[in-house]
Protein backbone atom coordinates (compact mmCIF):
# COMPACT_ATOMS: atom_id res chain seq x y z
CA MET A 1 105.93 -134.79 -53.03
CA SER A 2 107.00 -131.17 -53.35
CA ALA A 3 108.47 -129.67 -56.50
CA VAL A 4 111.76 -129.03 -54.66
CA THR A 5 112.05 -132.70 -53.73
CA ARG A 6 111.37 -133.77 -57.32
CA ARG A 7 114.06 -131.41 -58.60
CA ARG A 8 116.56 -132.83 -56.11
CA ARG A 9 115.87 -136.42 -57.11
CA ALA A 10 115.84 -135.87 -60.86
CA PRO A 11 119.62 -135.25 -61.22
CA VAL A 12 120.33 -138.37 -59.15
CA LEU A 13 118.12 -140.57 -61.34
CA ALA A 14 119.53 -139.00 -64.51
CA SER A 15 123.06 -139.87 -63.40
CA LEU A 16 122.09 -143.50 -62.87
CA ALA A 17 120.12 -144.24 -66.04
CA SER A 18 119.32 -142.81 -69.44
CA GLY A 19 116.65 -145.39 -70.26
CA ASN A 20 118.72 -146.95 -73.04
CA VAL A 21 119.16 -150.50 -71.74
CA GLY A 22 118.44 -151.77 -75.26
CA ALA A 23 121.80 -150.49 -76.51
CA VAL A 24 123.63 -152.64 -73.96
CA MET A 25 121.58 -155.70 -74.89
CA GLU A 26 121.98 -155.11 -78.62
CA ARG A 27 125.75 -155.19 -78.25
CA GLY A 28 125.52 -158.33 -76.11
CA PHE A 29 123.42 -160.22 -78.67
CA LYS A 30 125.84 -159.29 -81.46
CA VAL A 31 128.76 -160.67 -79.47
CA VAL A 32 126.87 -163.90 -78.74
CA LEU A 33 125.99 -164.42 -82.40
CA ASN A 34 129.48 -163.63 -83.68
CA GLN A 35 131.78 -165.06 -81.00
CA ASN A 36 130.26 -166.73 -77.93
CA TRP A 37 127.51 -168.97 -79.32
CA MET A 38 129.57 -172.15 -78.82
CA VAL A 39 130.21 -171.31 -75.15
CA LEU A 40 126.51 -170.61 -74.76
CA VAL A 41 125.53 -173.98 -76.19
CA SER A 42 128.19 -176.00 -74.36
CA GLY A 43 126.91 -174.94 -70.93
CA PHE A 44 123.58 -176.62 -71.63
CA PHE A 45 125.03 -180.14 -71.67
CA GLU A 46 126.40 -180.23 -68.10
CA PRO A 47 123.06 -180.78 -66.32
CA VAL A 48 121.98 -183.21 -69.05
CA LEU A 49 125.06 -185.35 -68.38
CA TYR A 50 124.40 -185.21 -64.63
CA LEU A 51 120.82 -186.30 -65.23
CA LEU A 52 121.86 -189.25 -67.40
CA ALA A 53 124.65 -190.36 -65.04
CA MET A 54 122.93 -189.81 -61.69
CA GLY A 55 119.22 -189.85 -62.48
CA ILE A 56 119.13 -192.67 -65.01
CA GLY A 57 122.27 -194.55 -63.96
CA MET A 58 122.26 -194.36 -60.17
CA GLY A 59 118.49 -193.93 -60.16
CA SER A 60 118.08 -197.54 -61.21
CA LEU A 61 119.71 -198.50 -57.89
CA VAL A 62 117.96 -195.91 -55.70
CA GLY A 63 114.39 -196.40 -56.92
CA GLU A 64 111.85 -193.95 -55.49
CA VAL A 65 112.38 -191.14 -52.98
CA THR A 66 109.99 -188.86 -51.11
CA GLY A 67 109.08 -185.80 -53.14
CA PRO A 68 107.14 -182.60 -52.33
CA GLY A 69 104.04 -183.22 -50.25
CA GLY A 70 105.32 -186.63 -49.18
CA GLU A 71 104.49 -188.31 -52.47
CA PRO A 72 107.01 -190.87 -53.79
CA VAL A 73 108.72 -189.99 -57.08
CA ALA A 74 111.36 -191.69 -59.19
CA TYR A 75 114.89 -190.61 -58.32
CA ALA A 76 115.46 -189.17 -61.81
CA ALA A 77 112.29 -187.07 -61.48
CA TYR A 78 113.49 -185.97 -58.04
CA ILE A 79 116.84 -184.57 -59.17
CA ALA A 80 115.75 -183.24 -62.58
CA PRO A 81 114.15 -180.02 -61.15
CA ALA A 82 117.21 -179.52 -58.95
CA LEU A 83 119.49 -179.77 -61.98
CA LEU A 84 117.29 -177.29 -63.81
CA ALA A 85 117.75 -174.81 -60.95
CA THR A 86 121.49 -175.48 -61.03
CA SER A 87 121.56 -174.93 -64.78
CA ALA A 88 119.85 -171.55 -64.40
CA MET A 89 122.35 -170.62 -61.69
CA ASN A 90 125.39 -171.66 -63.71
CA GLY A 91 124.28 -169.83 -66.84
CA ALA A 92 123.61 -166.62 -64.95
CA ILE A 93 126.79 -166.86 -62.90
CA TYR A 94 128.99 -167.34 -65.97
CA ASP A 95 127.63 -164.23 -67.67
CA SER A 96 127.58 -162.09 -64.55
CA THR A 97 131.03 -163.04 -63.20
CA TRP A 98 133.66 -164.19 -65.70
CA ASN A 99 132.11 -162.34 -68.61
CA VAL A 100 131.65 -159.19 -66.53
CA PHE A 101 135.13 -159.50 -65.02
CA PHE A 102 136.77 -159.47 -68.47
CA LYS A 103 134.71 -156.49 -69.60
CA LEU A 104 135.38 -154.64 -66.36
CA ARG A 105 139.08 -155.26 -65.79
CA PHE A 106 140.58 -156.00 -69.22
CA ALA A 107 138.37 -154.78 -72.07
CA LYS A 108 137.47 -151.63 -70.05
CA LEU A 109 134.08 -151.86 -71.76
CA TYR A 110 132.00 -150.43 -68.93
CA GLN A 111 134.31 -147.48 -68.59
CA ALA A 112 133.76 -146.70 -72.29
CA MET A 113 129.99 -147.22 -71.96
CA LEU A 114 129.76 -144.79 -69.07
CA GLN A 115 131.53 -142.11 -71.08
CA THR A 116 128.40 -142.02 -73.26
CA SER A 117 124.88 -141.14 -72.20
CA LEU A 118 124.48 -144.55 -70.56
CA GLY A 119 124.26 -144.63 -66.77
CA PRO A 120 125.45 -147.37 -64.38
CA LEU A 121 121.87 -148.61 -63.95
CA ASP A 122 121.54 -149.00 -67.75
CA VAL A 123 124.72 -151.09 -67.85
CA ALA A 124 123.76 -153.18 -64.82
CA VAL A 125 120.24 -153.95 -66.07
CA GLY A 126 121.46 -154.66 -69.60
CA GLU A 127 124.11 -157.14 -68.47
CA ILE A 128 121.71 -158.82 -66.04
CA LEU A 129 119.09 -159.22 -68.76
CA MET A 130 121.70 -160.85 -71.00
CA ALA A 131 122.41 -163.34 -68.22
CA LEU A 132 118.65 -163.97 -67.97
CA PHE A 133 118.54 -164.76 -71.67
CA ARG A 134 121.13 -167.49 -71.12
CA GLY A 135 119.22 -168.84 -68.12
CA PHE A 136 115.99 -168.86 -70.12
CA LEU A 137 117.55 -170.83 -72.98
CA TYR A 138 119.02 -173.39 -70.59
CA ALA A 139 115.70 -173.79 -68.77
CA LEU A 140 113.71 -174.20 -71.97
CA GLY A 141 116.16 -176.74 -73.42
CA PHE A 142 116.48 -178.75 -70.22
CA LEU A 143 112.72 -178.85 -69.72
CA GLY A 144 112.47 -180.32 -73.22
CA VAL A 145 115.01 -183.00 -72.29
CA ILE A 146 113.25 -184.09 -69.09
CA ALA A 147 109.91 -184.08 -70.91
CA ALA A 148 111.37 -186.36 -73.60
CA LEU A 149 112.62 -188.69 -70.85
CA GLY A 150 109.12 -188.89 -69.35
CA LEU A 151 110.09 -187.10 -66.14
CA VAL A 152 107.41 -184.38 -66.38
CA THR A 153 104.31 -185.49 -64.49
CA SER A 154 102.28 -182.27 -64.31
CA TRP A 155 101.40 -179.30 -66.51
CA TRP A 156 102.51 -177.13 -63.58
CA ALA A 157 106.05 -178.03 -64.66
CA LEU A 158 105.78 -175.35 -67.36
CA LEU A 159 106.14 -172.81 -64.54
CA MET A 160 109.68 -174.06 -64.04
CA VAL A 161 110.77 -171.91 -67.00
CA PRO A 162 109.77 -168.55 -65.45
CA ALA A 163 111.02 -169.87 -62.11
CA ALA A 164 114.40 -170.57 -63.70
CA VAL A 165 114.45 -167.00 -65.02
CA LEU A 166 113.74 -165.75 -61.48
CA ILE A 167 116.60 -167.86 -60.12
CA ALA A 168 118.92 -166.62 -62.85
CA LEU A 169 117.88 -163.03 -62.10
CA GLY A 170 118.86 -163.38 -58.46
CA PHE A 171 122.23 -164.96 -59.15
CA ALA A 172 123.04 -162.61 -62.05
CA SER A 173 122.23 -159.47 -60.07
CA PHE A 174 124.21 -160.51 -57.02
CA GLY A 175 127.03 -162.10 -59.03
CA MET A 176 127.70 -158.94 -61.01
CA GLY A 177 127.82 -156.88 -57.84
CA VAL A 178 130.29 -159.24 -56.18
CA THR A 179 132.47 -159.39 -59.30
CA SER A 180 132.88 -155.62 -59.24
CA PHE A 181 134.99 -156.04 -56.08
CA LEU A 182 137.34 -158.65 -57.62
CA THR A 183 140.52 -157.56 -59.37
CA THR A 184 142.54 -160.73 -60.18
CA PHE A 185 141.93 -164.15 -61.72
CA GLN A 186 143.00 -165.73 -58.43
CA GLN A 187 140.15 -163.97 -56.68
CA MET A 188 137.74 -165.15 -59.36
CA ASP A 189 138.56 -168.73 -58.39
CA LEU A 190 136.70 -168.05 -55.15
CA ILE A 191 133.46 -168.11 -57.15
CA ASN A 192 133.95 -171.76 -58.12
CA PHE A 193 135.07 -172.46 -54.54
CA VAL A 194 131.63 -171.28 -53.37
CA LEU A 195 129.50 -172.72 -56.18
CA LEU A 196 130.70 -176.33 -56.02
CA PRO A 197 129.88 -176.92 -52.32
CA MET A 198 126.58 -175.08 -52.77
CA PHE A 199 125.69 -177.45 -55.61
CA LEU A 200 126.68 -180.56 -53.67
CA PHE A 201 125.02 -179.64 -50.37
CA SER A 202 121.82 -177.85 -51.47
CA ALA A 203 119.76 -181.05 -51.49
CA THR A 204 120.24 -181.36 -55.22
CA LEU A 205 121.02 -185.08 -55.27
CA TYR A 206 119.47 -186.25 -51.99
CA PRO A 207 116.97 -184.95 -49.40
CA ILE A 208 118.10 -182.32 -46.92
CA GLU A 209 116.86 -184.54 -44.07
CA VAL A 210 120.02 -186.68 -44.29
CA TYR A 211 121.93 -183.90 -42.50
CA PRO A 212 121.87 -182.95 -38.81
CA ASP A 213 119.53 -180.07 -37.92
CA TRP A 214 122.28 -177.46 -37.57
CA ILE A 215 123.62 -178.24 -41.03
CA GLN A 216 120.10 -178.09 -42.47
CA TRP A 217 119.76 -174.50 -41.23
CA MET A 218 123.02 -173.58 -42.97
CA ILE A 219 121.82 -175.18 -46.21
CA MET A 220 118.47 -173.39 -46.05
CA ALA A 221 120.33 -170.07 -45.97
CA MET A 222 121.88 -170.85 -49.38
CA PRO A 223 120.13 -169.43 -52.45
CA LEU A 224 120.42 -172.62 -54.50
CA TRP A 225 118.44 -174.60 -51.92
CA HIS A 226 115.53 -172.22 -52.34
CA GLY A 227 115.77 -172.61 -56.12
CA VAL A 228 115.89 -176.40 -55.87
CA GLU A 229 112.88 -176.59 -53.55
CA LEU A 230 110.88 -174.14 -55.68
CA MET A 231 111.56 -176.20 -58.80
CA ARG A 232 110.61 -179.45 -57.10
CA GLN A 233 107.30 -178.03 -55.95
CA LEU A 234 106.47 -176.71 -59.41
CA SER A 235 107.44 -179.98 -61.08
CA VAL A 236 104.57 -181.82 -59.35
CA GLY A 237 102.18 -178.92 -58.78
CA TYR A 238 102.57 -178.85 -54.99
CA PHE A 239 102.26 -175.42 -53.34
CA ASP A 240 102.45 -174.22 -49.75
CA ALA A 241 103.65 -171.17 -47.82
CA MET A 242 107.27 -172.03 -48.56
CA THR A 243 106.61 -171.56 -52.29
CA TRP A 244 106.22 -167.84 -51.60
CA VAL A 245 109.25 -167.82 -49.31
CA HIS A 246 111.43 -169.30 -52.05
CA SER A 247 110.15 -166.78 -54.61
CA LEU A 248 110.55 -163.79 -52.28
CA TYR A 249 114.09 -164.91 -51.46
CA PHE A 250 115.13 -164.42 -55.07
CA LEU A 251 113.24 -161.15 -55.41
CA GLY A 252 115.14 -159.82 -52.40
CA MET A 253 118.41 -161.19 -53.75
CA THR A 254 117.73 -159.44 -57.07
CA ALA A 255 116.98 -156.09 -55.44
CA LEU A 256 120.10 -156.27 -53.27
CA GLY A 257 122.31 -157.27 -56.20
CA LEU A 258 120.95 -154.57 -58.49
CA VAL A 259 121.56 -151.85 -55.90
CA LEU A 260 125.05 -153.19 -55.16
CA THR A 261 125.99 -153.36 -58.86
CA THR A 262 124.70 -149.88 -59.64
CA VAL A 263 126.48 -148.31 -56.67
CA ARG A 264 129.74 -150.09 -57.49
CA LEU A 265 129.77 -149.09 -61.19
CA ARG A 266 129.04 -145.52 -60.23
CA SER A 267 131.82 -145.41 -57.63
CA LEU A 268 134.33 -147.04 -59.99
CA PHE A 269 133.79 -144.90 -63.08
CA LEU A 270 131.78 -141.79 -62.14
CA ARG A 271 133.79 -140.34 -59.29
């Protein structure tokens, strides 16, 4: 790379980031400790209630279902990894949509941040990492619950924690980028309108094979389905080529969301 090319790129990179992501995260942790800790904790119980109601309650009627690799597993053990993926998604989406929307449109926090030495990439990465922290806590706590219920059958299940962080990273990155286009609370309702059907139809509570082929292809395009299948494979230690496909899906989703978020913050506040 020539010296001229390096000089041309340096101002662009300097306008995007100052390398001070820690300042954004430090503020986020202070807010969580002082104001939002109850909201953080309350979000953990939703998948636990689903597991008790559907996995333990309805599971006594369903019995065993076919798990990864064709091996039979108890119904509760079948849906537990799916609920863990859903928990990671919900935690990341809350932080990267509603939380970001308030800071962006009402508190004007990002506008104030970008008047300092911080760049849009600093803000984007900092907020996304805060969403990952929430996803990590949910994954760790939920894994403890399913272990206590005897639903963990393999040491490979420990990999579900970093997998949950990967899932949260994808949803947080993309969610923040999408939120930057929304301007009203009515538009924010579209997020729940998308998330609920995705939760219900991403093979979380029953196998994808119950649907016709054309619907299966639509479901396999959804990000949550990839998260659910990845978690199920890790829960029993079953790996195949699709394990990499699921992982790469979220890496691509993360890259796309990070670029989208950075470009949007720059266009909104650094014109």
